[in-house]
């Protein structure tokens, strides 16, 4: 959730308060906000995700609390930058 919110903010789909709010909410209930898998391992795994359509990974990105957008054109370089 945090990664998706960071991507959404980086793509200007949501305000900065969205990723910060999600991180704070998860921290408040004792859940992790950072992944434990190295990024170089994550990117190849995305191609095997259930949200892959053809050769594109579908990302479900928040626009605001309660509203998301499905995006399939997130370049791997951008994912590396943001995450």
PDB file of N, CA and C in Angstrom:
ATOM      1  N   UNK A   1       0.820  -1.194   0.000  1.00  0.00           N
ATOM      2  CA  UNK A   1       0.000   0.000   0.000  1.00  0.00           C
ATOM      3  C   UNK A   1       0.862   1.257   0.000  1.00  0.00           C
ATOM      4  N   UNK A   2       1.902   1.233   0.791  1.00  0.00           N
ATOM      5  CA  UNK A   2       2.784   2.403   0.859  1.00  0.00           C
ATOM      6  C   UNK A   2       3.482   2.614  -0.483  1.00  0.00           C
ATOM      7  N   UNK A   3       3.970   1.531  -1.065  1.00  0.00           N
ATOM      8  CA  UNK A   3       4.655   1.645  -2.358  1.00  0.00           C
ATOM      9  C   UNK A   3       3.709   2.185  -3.421  1.00  0.00           C
ATOM     10  N   UNK A   4       2.474   1.690  -3.450  1.00  0.00           N
ATOM     11  CA  UNK A   4       1.496   2.168  -4.425  1.00  0.00           C
ATOM     12  C   UNK A   4       1.213   3.650  -4.212  1.00  0.00           C
ATOM     13  N   UNK A   5       1.103   4.066  -2.965  1.00  0.00           N
ATOM     14  CA  UNK A   5       0.843   5.478  -2.674  1.00  0.00           C
ATOM     15  C   UNK A   5       2.032   6.350  -3.085  1.00  0.00           C
ATOM     16  N   UNK A   6       3.247   5.846  -2.878  1.00  0.00           N
ATOM     17  CA  UNK A   6       4.428   6.609  -3.304  1.00  0.00           C
ATOM     18  C   UNK A   6       4.467   6.734  -4.827  1.00  0.00           C
ATOM     19  N   UNK A   7       4.131   5.652  -5.522  1.00  0.00           N
ATOM     20  CA  UNK A   7       4.074   5.718  -6.985  1.00  0.00           C
ATOM     21  C   UNK A   7       3.022   6.727  -7.432  1.00  0.00           C
ATOM     22  N   UNK A   8       1.852   6.674  -6.803  1.00  0.00           N
ATOM     23  CA  UNK A   8       0.768   7.596  -7.166  1.00  0.00           C
ATOM     24  C   UNK A   8       1.200   9.043  -6.959  1.00  0.00           C
ATOM     25  N   UNK A   9       1.846   9.309  -5.839  1.00  0.00           N
ATOM     26  CA  UNK A   9       2.315  10.679  -5.585  1.00  0.00           C
ATOM     27  C   UNK A   9       3.370  11.083  -6.613  1.00  0.00           C
ATOM     28  N   UNK A  10       4.287  10.184  -6.910  1.00  0.00           N
ATOM     29  CA  UNK A  10       5.326  10.466  -7.895  1.00  0.00           C
ATOM     30  C   UNK A  10       4.777  10.718  -9.285  1.00  0.00           C
ATOM     31  N   UNK A  11       3.629  10.109  -9.584  1.00  0.00           N
ATOM     32  CA  UNK A  11       2.979  10.310 -10.884  1.00  0.00           C
ATOM     33  C   UNK A  11       1.964  11.445 -10.837  1.00  0.00           C
ATOM     34  N   UNK A  12       1.919  12.154  -9.706  1.00  0.00           N
ATOM     35  CA  UNK A  12       1.016  13.287  -9.501  1.00  0.00           C
ATOM     36  C   UNK A  12      -0.451  12.891  -9.601  1.00  0.00           C
ATOM     37  N   UNK A  13      -0.764  11.677  -9.129  1.00  0.00           N
ATOM     38  CA  UNK A  13      -2.153  11.215  -9.097  1.00  0.00           C
ATOM     39  C   UNK A  13      -2.818  11.540  -7.767  1.00  0.00           C
ATOM     40  N   UNK A  14      -2.004  11.836  -6.751  1.00  0.00           N
ATOM     41  CA  UNK A  14      -2.564  12.154  -5.441  1.00  0.00           C
ATOM     42  C   UNK A  14      -1.691  13.201  -4.758  1.00  0.00           C
ATOM     43  N   UNK A  15      -2.232  13.775  -3.708  1.00  0.00           N
ATOM     44  CA  UNK A  15      -1.488  14.738  -2.897  1.00  0.00           C
ATOM     45  C   UNK A  15      -0.504  14.003  -1.991  1.00  0.00           C
ATOM     46  N   UNK A  16       0.486  14.725  -1.515  1.00  0.00           N
ATOM     47  CA  UNK A  16       1.513  14.158  -0.645  1.00  0.00           C
ATOM     48  C   UNK A  16       0.922  13.571   0.640  1.00  0.00           C
ATOM     49  N   UNK A  17      -0.229  14.071   1.047  1.00  0.00           N
ATOM     50  CA  UNK A  17      -0.847  13.593   2.288  1.00  0.00           C
ATOM     51  C   UNK A  17      -1.270  12.120   2.194  1.00  0.00           C
ATOM     52  N   UNK A  18      -1.512  11.620   0.998  1.00  0.00           N
ATOM     53  CA  UNK A  18      -1.966  10.234   0.853  1.00  0.00           C
ATOM     54  C   UNK A  18      -0.877   9.245   1.277  1.00  0.00           C
ATOM     55  N   UNK A  19       0.333   9.275   0.690  1.00  0.00           N
ATOM     56  CA  UNK A  19       1.340   8.313   1.166  1.00  0.00           C
ATOM     57  C   UNK A  19       1.703   8.513   2.638  1.00  0.00           C
ATOM     58  N   UNK A  20       1.775   9.758   3.086  1.00  0.00           N
ATOM     59  CA  UNK A  20       2.098  10.007   4.491  1.00  0.00           C
ATOM     60  C   UNK A  20       0.999   9.474   5.408  1.00  0.00           C
ATOM     61  N   UNK A  21      -0.254   9.675   5.017  1.00  0.00           N
ATOM     62  CA  UNK A  21      -1.378   9.194   5.818  1.00  0.00           C
ATOM     63  C   UNK A  21      -1.436   7.677   5.892  1.00  0.00           C
ATOM     64  N   UNK A  22      -1.178   7.020   4.774  1.00  0.00           N
ATOM     65  CA  UNK A  22      -1.180   5.553   4.760  1.00  0.00           C
ATOM     66  C   UNK A  22      -0.053   5.017   5.632  1.00  0.00           C
ATOM     67  N   UNK A  23       1.138   5.608   5.502  1.00  0.00           N
ATOM     68  CA  UNK A  23       2.269   5.182   6.333  1.00  0.00           C
ATOM     69  C   UNK A  23       1.958   5.365   7.817  1.00  0.00           C
ATOM     70  N   UNK A  24       1.403   6.505   8.169  1.00  0.00           N
ATOM     71  CA  UNK A  24       1.083   6.779   9.573  1.00  0.00           C
ATOM     72  C   UNK A  24       0.039   5.794  10.101  1.00  0.00           C
ATOM     73  N   UNK A  25      -0.989   5.525   9.305  1.00  0.00           N
ATOM     74  CA  UNK A  25      -2.037   4.599   9.737  1.00  0.00           C
ATOM     75  C   UNK A  25      -1.466   3.199   9.965  1.00  0.00           C
ATOM     76  N   UNK A  26      -0.616   2.742   9.062  1.00  0.00           N
ATOM     77  CA  UNK A  26      -0.017   1.412   9.225  1.00  0.00           C
ATOM     78  C   UNK A  26       0.895   1.364  10.448  1.00  0.00           C
ATOM     79  N   UNK A  27       1.695   2.406  10.649  1.00  0.00           N
ATOM     80  CA  UNK A  27       2.574   2.461  11.824  1.00  0.00           C
ATOM     81  C   UNK A  27       1.751   2.441  13.117  1.00  0.00           C
ATOM     82  N   UNK A  28       0.636   3.190  13.123  1.00  0.00           N
ATOM     83  CA  UNK A  28      -0.201   3.279  14.323  1.00  0.00           C
ATOM     84  C   UNK A  28      -0.772   1.935  14.747  1.00  0.00           C
ATOM     85  N   UNK A  29      -0.952   1.024  13.791  1.00  0.00           N
ATOM     86  CA  UNK A  29      -1.493  -0.297  14.165  1.00  0.00           C
ATOM     87  C   UNK A  29      -0.404  -1.372  14.167  1.00  0.00           C
ATOM     88  N   UNK A  30       0.852  -0.926  14.099  1.00  0.00           N
ATOM     89  CA  UNK A  30       1.969  -1.844  14.242  1.00  0.00           C
ATOM     90  C   UNK A  30       2.354  -2.634  13.003  1.00  0.00           C
ATOM     91  N   UNK A  31       1.926  -2.187  11.839  1.00  0.00           N
ATOM     92  CA  UNK A  31       2.280  -2.881  10.597  1.00  0.00           C
ATOM     93  C   UNK A  31       3.493  -2.232   9.950  1.00  0.00           C
ATOM     94  N   UNK A  32       4.274  -3.017   9.205  1.00  0.00           N
ATOM     95  CA  UNK A  32       5.466  -2.451   8.562  1.00  0.00           C
ATOM     96  C   UNK A  32       5.099  -1.500   7.433  1.00  0.00           C
ATOM     97  N   UNK A  33       5.969  -0.528   7.198  1.00  0.00           N
ATOM     98  CA  UNK A  33       5.761   0.423   6.098  1.00  0.00           C
ATOM     99  C   UNK A  33       6.851   0.300   5.041  1.00  0.00           C
ATOM    100  N   UNK A  34       7.829  -0.538   5.275  1.00  0.00           N
ATOM    101  CA  UNK A  34       8.907  -0.775   4.325  1.00  0.00           C
ATOM    102  C   UNK A  34       8.966  -2.270   4.034  1.00  0.00           C
ATOM    103  N   UNK A  35       9.307  -2.601   2.794  1.00  0.00           N
ATOM    104  CA  UNK A  35       9.448  -3.997   2.426  1.00  0.00           C
ATOM    105  C   UNK A  35      10.778  -4.559   2.893  1.00  0.00           C
ATOM    106  N   UNK A  36      10.829  -5.861   3.004  1.00  0.00           N
ATOM    107  CA  UNK A  36      12.078  -6.507   3.432  1.00  0.00           C
ATOM    108  C   UNK A  36      12.778  -7.197   2.263  1.00  0.00           C
ATOM    109  N   UNK A  37      12.199  -7.109   1.072  1.00  0.00           N
ATOM    110  CA  UNK A  37      12.782  -7.727  -0.116  1.00  0.00           C
ATOM    111  C   UNK A  37      13.521  -6.643  -0.901  1.00  0.00           C
ATOM    112  N   UNK A  38      14.768  -6.908  -1.312  1.00  0.00           N
ATOM    113  CA  UNK A  38      15.509  -5.907  -2.096  1.00  0.00           C
ATOM    114  C   UNK A  38      14.791  -5.574  -3.404  1.00  0.00           C
ATOM    115  N   UNK A  39      14.853  -4.304  -3.790  1.00  0.00           N
ATOM    116  CA  UNK A  39      14.159  -3.839  -4.991  1.00  0.00           C
ATOM    117  C   UNK A  39      14.559  -4.641  -6.228  1.00  0.00           C
ATOM    118  N   UNK A  40      15.841  -5.004  -6.339  1.00  0.00           N
ATOM    119  CA  UNK A  40      16.272  -5.759  -7.526  1.00  0.00           C
ATOM    120  C   UNK A  40      15.566  -7.110  -7.613  1.00  0.00           C
ATOM    121  N   UNK A  41      15.070  -7.630  -6.494  1.00  0.00           N
ATOM    122  CA  UNK A  41      14.317  -8.880  -6.500  1.00  0.00           C
ATOM    123  C   UNK A  41      12.834  -8.659  -6.781  1.00  0.00           C
ATOM    124  N   UNK A  42      12.348  -7.488  -6.441  1.00  0.00           N
ATOM    125  CA  UNK A  42      10.923  -7.190  -6.595  1.00  0.00           C
ATOM    126  C   UNK A  42      10.526  -7.007  -8.054  1.00  0.00           C
ATOM    127  N   UNK A  43      11.318  -6.265  -8.810  1.00  0.00           N
ATOM    128  CA  UNK A  43      10.942  -5.948 -10.188  1.00  0.00           C
ATOM    129  C   UNK A  43      10.689  -7.192 -11.040  1.00  0.00           C
ATOM    130  N   UNK A  44      11.542  -8.226 -11.016  1.00  0.00           N
ATOM    131  CA  UNK A  44      11.232  -9.427 -11.809  1.00  0.00           C
ATOM    132  C   UNK A  44       9.972 -10.144 -11.319  1.00  0.00           C
ATOM    133  N   UNK A  45       9.723 -10.066 -10.010  1.00  0.00           N
ATOM    134  CA  UNK A  45       8.528 -10.724  -9.465  1.00  0.00           C
ATOM    135  C   UNK A  45       7.242 -10.044  -9.923  1.00  0.00           C
ATOM    136  N   UNK A  46       7.310  -8.748 -10.176  1.00  0.00           N
ATOM    137  CA  UNK A  46       6.118  -8.034 -10.652  1.00  0.00           C
ATOM    138  C   UNK A  46       5.594  -8.637 -11.949  1.00  0.00           C
ATOM    139  N   UNK A  47       6.471  -9.143 -12.795  1.00  0.00           N
ATOM    140  CA  UNK A  47       6.039  -9.730 -14.070  1.00  0.00           C
ATOM    141  C   UNK A  47       5.235 -11.013 -13.876  1.00  0.00           C
ATOM    142  N   UNK A  48       5.291 -11.585 -12.677  1.00  0.00           N
ATOM    143  CA  UNK A  48       4.558 -12.825 -12.384  1.00  0.00           C
ATOM    144  C   UNK A  48       3.311 -12.566 -11.552  1.00  0.00           C
ATOM    145  N   UNK A  49       3.060 -11.297 -11.261  1.00  0.00           N
ATOM    146  CA  UNK A  49       1.924 -10.920 -10.415  1.00  0.00           C
ATOM    147  C   UNK A  49       0.605 -11.212 -11.119  1.00  0.00           C
ATOM    148  N   UNK A  50      -0.434 -11.441 -10.333  1.00  0.00           N
ATOM    149  CA  UNK A  50      -1.766 -11.728 -10.895  1.00  0.00           C
ATOM    150  C   UNK A  50      -2.348 -10.540 -11.655  1.00  0.00           C
ATOM    151  N   UNK A  51      -1.783  -9.359 -11.465  1.00  0.00           N
ATOM    152  CA  UNK A  51      -2.296  -8.171 -12.153  1.00  0.00           C
ATOM    153  C   UNK A  51      -1.604  -7.903 -13.486  1.00  0.00           C
ATOM    154  N   UNK A  52      -0.816  -8.850 -13.975  1.00  0.00           N
ATOM    155  CA  UNK A  52      -0.156  -8.682 -15.272  1.00  0.00           C
ATOM    156  C   UNK A  52      -1.158  -8.982 -16.378  1.00  0.00           C
ATOM    157  N   UNK A  53      -1.222  -8.074 -17.351  1.00  0.00           N
ATOM    158  CA  UNK A  53      -2.071  -8.263 -18.537  1.00  0.00           C
ATOM    159  C   UNK A  53      -1.169  -8.123 -19.749  1.00  0.00           C
ATOM    160  N   UNK A  54      -0.954  -9.230 -20.448  1.00  0.00           N
ATOM    161  CA  UNK A  54      -0.018  -9.208 -21.563  1.00  0.00           C
ATOM    162  C   UNK A  54       1.379  -8.997 -21.010  1.00  0.00           C
ATOM    163  N   UNK A  55       2.047  -7.954 -21.440  1.00  0.00           N
ATOM    164  CA  UNK A  55       3.381  -7.655 -20.917  1.00  0.00           C
ATOM    165  C   UNK A  55       3.360  -6.434 -20.002  1.00  0.00           C
ATOM    166  N   UNK A  56       2.178  -6.049 -19.547  1.00  0.00           N
ATOM    167  CA  UNK A  56       2.055  -4.866 -18.688  1.00  0.00           C
ATOM    168  C   UNK A  56       1.569  -5.249 -17.288  1.00  0.00           C
ATOM    169  N   UNK A  57       2.178  -4.629 -16.291  1.00  0.00           N
ATOM    170  CA  UNK A  57       1.751  -4.815 -14.911  1.00  0.00           C
ATOM    171  C   UNK A  57       0.724  -3.735 -14.596  1.00  0.00           C
ATOM    172  N   UNK A  58      -0.416  -4.154 -14.089  1.00  0.00           N
ATOM    173  CA  UNK A  58      -1.437  -3.188 -13.667  1.00  0.00           C
ATOM    174  C   UNK A  58      -1.153  -2.773 -12.231  1.00  0.00           C
ATOM    175  N   UNK A  59      -1.084  -1.485 -11.999  1.00  0.00           N
ATOM    176  CA  UNK A  59      -0.914  -0.952 -10.656  1.00  0.00           C
ATOM    177  C   UNK A  59      -2.227  -0.306 -10.232  1.00  0.00           C
ATOM    178  N   UNK A  60      -2.633  -0.571  -9.009  1.00  0.00           N
ATOM    179  CA  UNK A  60      -3.823   0.044  -8.435  1.00  0.00           C
ATOM    180  C   UNK A  60      -3.320   1.165  -7.528  1.00  0.00           C
ATOM    181  N   UNK A  61      -3.463   2.402  -7.986  1.00  0.00           N
ATOM    182  CA  UNK A  61      -2.862   3.546  -7.295  1.00  0.00           C
ATOM    183  C   UNK A  61      -3.935   4.462  -6.717  1.00  0.00           C
ATOM    184  N   UNK A  62      -3.740   4.892  -5.476  1.00  0.00           N
ATOM    185  CA  UNK A  62      -4.736   5.766  -4.854  1.00  0.00           C
ATOM    186  C   UNK A  62      -4.684   7.187  -5.410  1.00  0.00           C
ATOM    187  N   UNK A  63      -5.866   7.737  -5.654  1.00  0.00           N
ATOM    188  CA  UNK A  63      -5.977   9.156  -6.006  1.00  0.00           C
ATOM    189  C   UNK A  63      -6.335   9.961  -4.764  1.00  0.00           C
ATOM    190  N   UNK A  64      -7.153   9.367  -3.945  1.00  0.00           N
ATOM    191  CA  UNK A  64      -7.499   9.907  -2.630  1.00  0.00           C
ATOM    192  C   UNK A  64      -8.050   8.738  -1.828  1.00  0.00           C
ATOM    193  N   UNK A  65      -8.295   8.940  -0.544  1.00  0.00           N
ATOM    194  CA  UNK A  65      -8.832   7.864   0.268  1.00  0.00           C
ATOM    195  C   UNK A  65     -10.203   7.484  -0.289  1.00  0.00           C
ATOM    196  N   UNK A  66     -10.342   6.205  -0.659  1.00  0.00           N
ATOM    197  CA  UNK A  66     -11.601   5.711  -1.207  1.00  0.00           C
ATOM    198  C   UNK A  66     -11.691   5.723  -2.721  1.00  0.00           C
ATOM    199  N   UNK A  67     -10.671   6.241  -3.417  1.00  0.00           N
ATOM    200  CA  UNK A  67     -10.703   6.257  -4.883  1.00  0.00           C
ATOM    201  C   UNK A  67      -9.328   5.890  -5.436  1.00  0.00           C
ATOM    202  N   UNK A  68      -9.321   4.943  -6.379  1.00  0.00           N
ATOM    203  CA  UNK A  68      -8.066   4.493  -6.987  1.00  0.00           C
ATOM    204  C   UNK A  68      -8.163   4.593  -8.501  1.00  0.00           C
ATOM    205  N   UNK A  69      -6.989   4.480  -9.135  1.00  0.00           N
ATOM    206  CA  UNK A  69      -6.917   4.453 -10.588  1.00  0.00           C
ATOM    207  C   UNK A  69      -6.064   3.250 -10.980  1.00  0.00           C
ATOM    208  N   UNK A  70      -6.490   2.516 -12.014  1.00  0.00           N
ATOM    209  CA  UNK A  70      -5.710   1.408 -12.549  1.00  0.00           C
ATOM    210  C   UNK A  70      -4.792   1.968 -13.629  1.00  0.00           C
ATOM    211  N   UNK A  71      -3.479   1.733 -13.464  1.00  0.00           N
ATOM    212  CA  UNK A  71      -2.470   2.289 -14.359  1.00  0.00           C
ATOM    213  C   UNK A  71      -1.615   1.145 -14.886  1.00  0.00           C
ATOM    214  N   UNK A  72      -1.332   1.147 -16.180  1.00  0.00           N
ATOM    215  CA  UNK A  72      -0.507   0.069 -16.747  1.00  0.00           C
ATOM    216  C   UNK A  72       0.726   0.585 -17.479  1.00  0.00           C
ATOM    217  N   UNK A  73       1.064   1.826 -17.278  1.00  0.00           N
ATOM    218  CA  UNK A  73       2.190   2.399 -18.019  1.00  0.00           C
ATOM    219  C   UNK A  73       3.251   3.004 -17.095  1.00  0.00           C
ATOM    220  N   UNK A  74       3.596   2.282 -16.027  1.00  0.00           N
ATOM    221  CA  UNK A  74       4.610   2.757 -15.099  1.00  0.00           C
ATOM    222  C   UNK A  74       5.956   2.162 -15.517  1.00  0.00           C
ATOM    223  N   UNK A  75       6.885   2.986 -15.992  1.00  0.00           N
ATOM    224  CA  UNK A  75       8.191   2.461 -16.415  1.00  0.00           C
ATOM    225  C   UNK A  75       8.986   1.903 -15.234  1.00  0.00           C
ATOM    226  N   UNK A  76       9.738   0.844 -15.482  1.00  0.00           N
ATOM    227  CA  UNK A  76      10.553   0.225 -14.422  1.00  0.00           C
ATOM    228  C   UNK A  76      11.510   1.236 -13.819  1.00  0.00           C
ATOM    229  N   UNK A  77      12.046   2.138 -14.632  1.00  0.00           N
ATOM    230  CA  UNK A  77      12.984   3.143 -14.116  1.00  0.00           C
ATOM    231  C   UNK A  77      12.297   4.042 -13.083  1.00  0.00           C
ATOM    232  N   UNK A  78      11.040   4.368 -13.343  1.00  0.00           N
ATOM    233  CA  UNK A  78      10.292   5.213 -12.419  1.00  0.00           C
ATOM    234  C   UNK A  78      10.044   4.454 -11.116  1.00  0.00           C
ATOM    235  N   UNK A  79       9.736   3.175 -11.216  1.00  0.00           N
ATOM    236  CA  UNK A  79       9.527   2.363 -10.018  1.00  0.00           C
ATOM    237  C   UNK A  79      10.800   2.368  -9.169  1.00  0.00           C
ATOM    238  N   UNK A  80      11.944   2.191  -9.815  1.00  0.00           N
ATOM    239  CA  UNK A  80      13.220   2.210  -9.085  1.00  0.00           C
ATOM    240  C   UNK A  80      13.451   3.557  -8.395  1.00  0.00           C
ATOM    241  N   UNK A  81      13.138   4.642  -9.089  1.00  0.00           N
ATOM    242  CA  UNK A  81      13.325   5.991  -8.539  1.00  0.00           C
ATOM    243  C   UNK A  81      12.472   6.211  -7.302  1.00  0.00           C
ATOM    244  N   UNK A  82      11.210   5.887  -7.419  1.00  0.00           N
ATOM    245  CA  UNK A  82      10.241   6.203  -6.374  1.00  0.00           C
ATOM    246  C   UNK A  82      10.388   5.286  -5.169  1.00  0.00           C
ATOM    247  N   UNK A  83      10.654   4.027  -5.425  1.00  0.00           N
ATOM    248  CA  UNK A  83      10.731   3.082  -4.325  1.00  0.00           C
ATOM    249  C   UNK A  83      12.144   2.979  -3.782  1.00  0.00           C
TER     250      UNK A  83
END
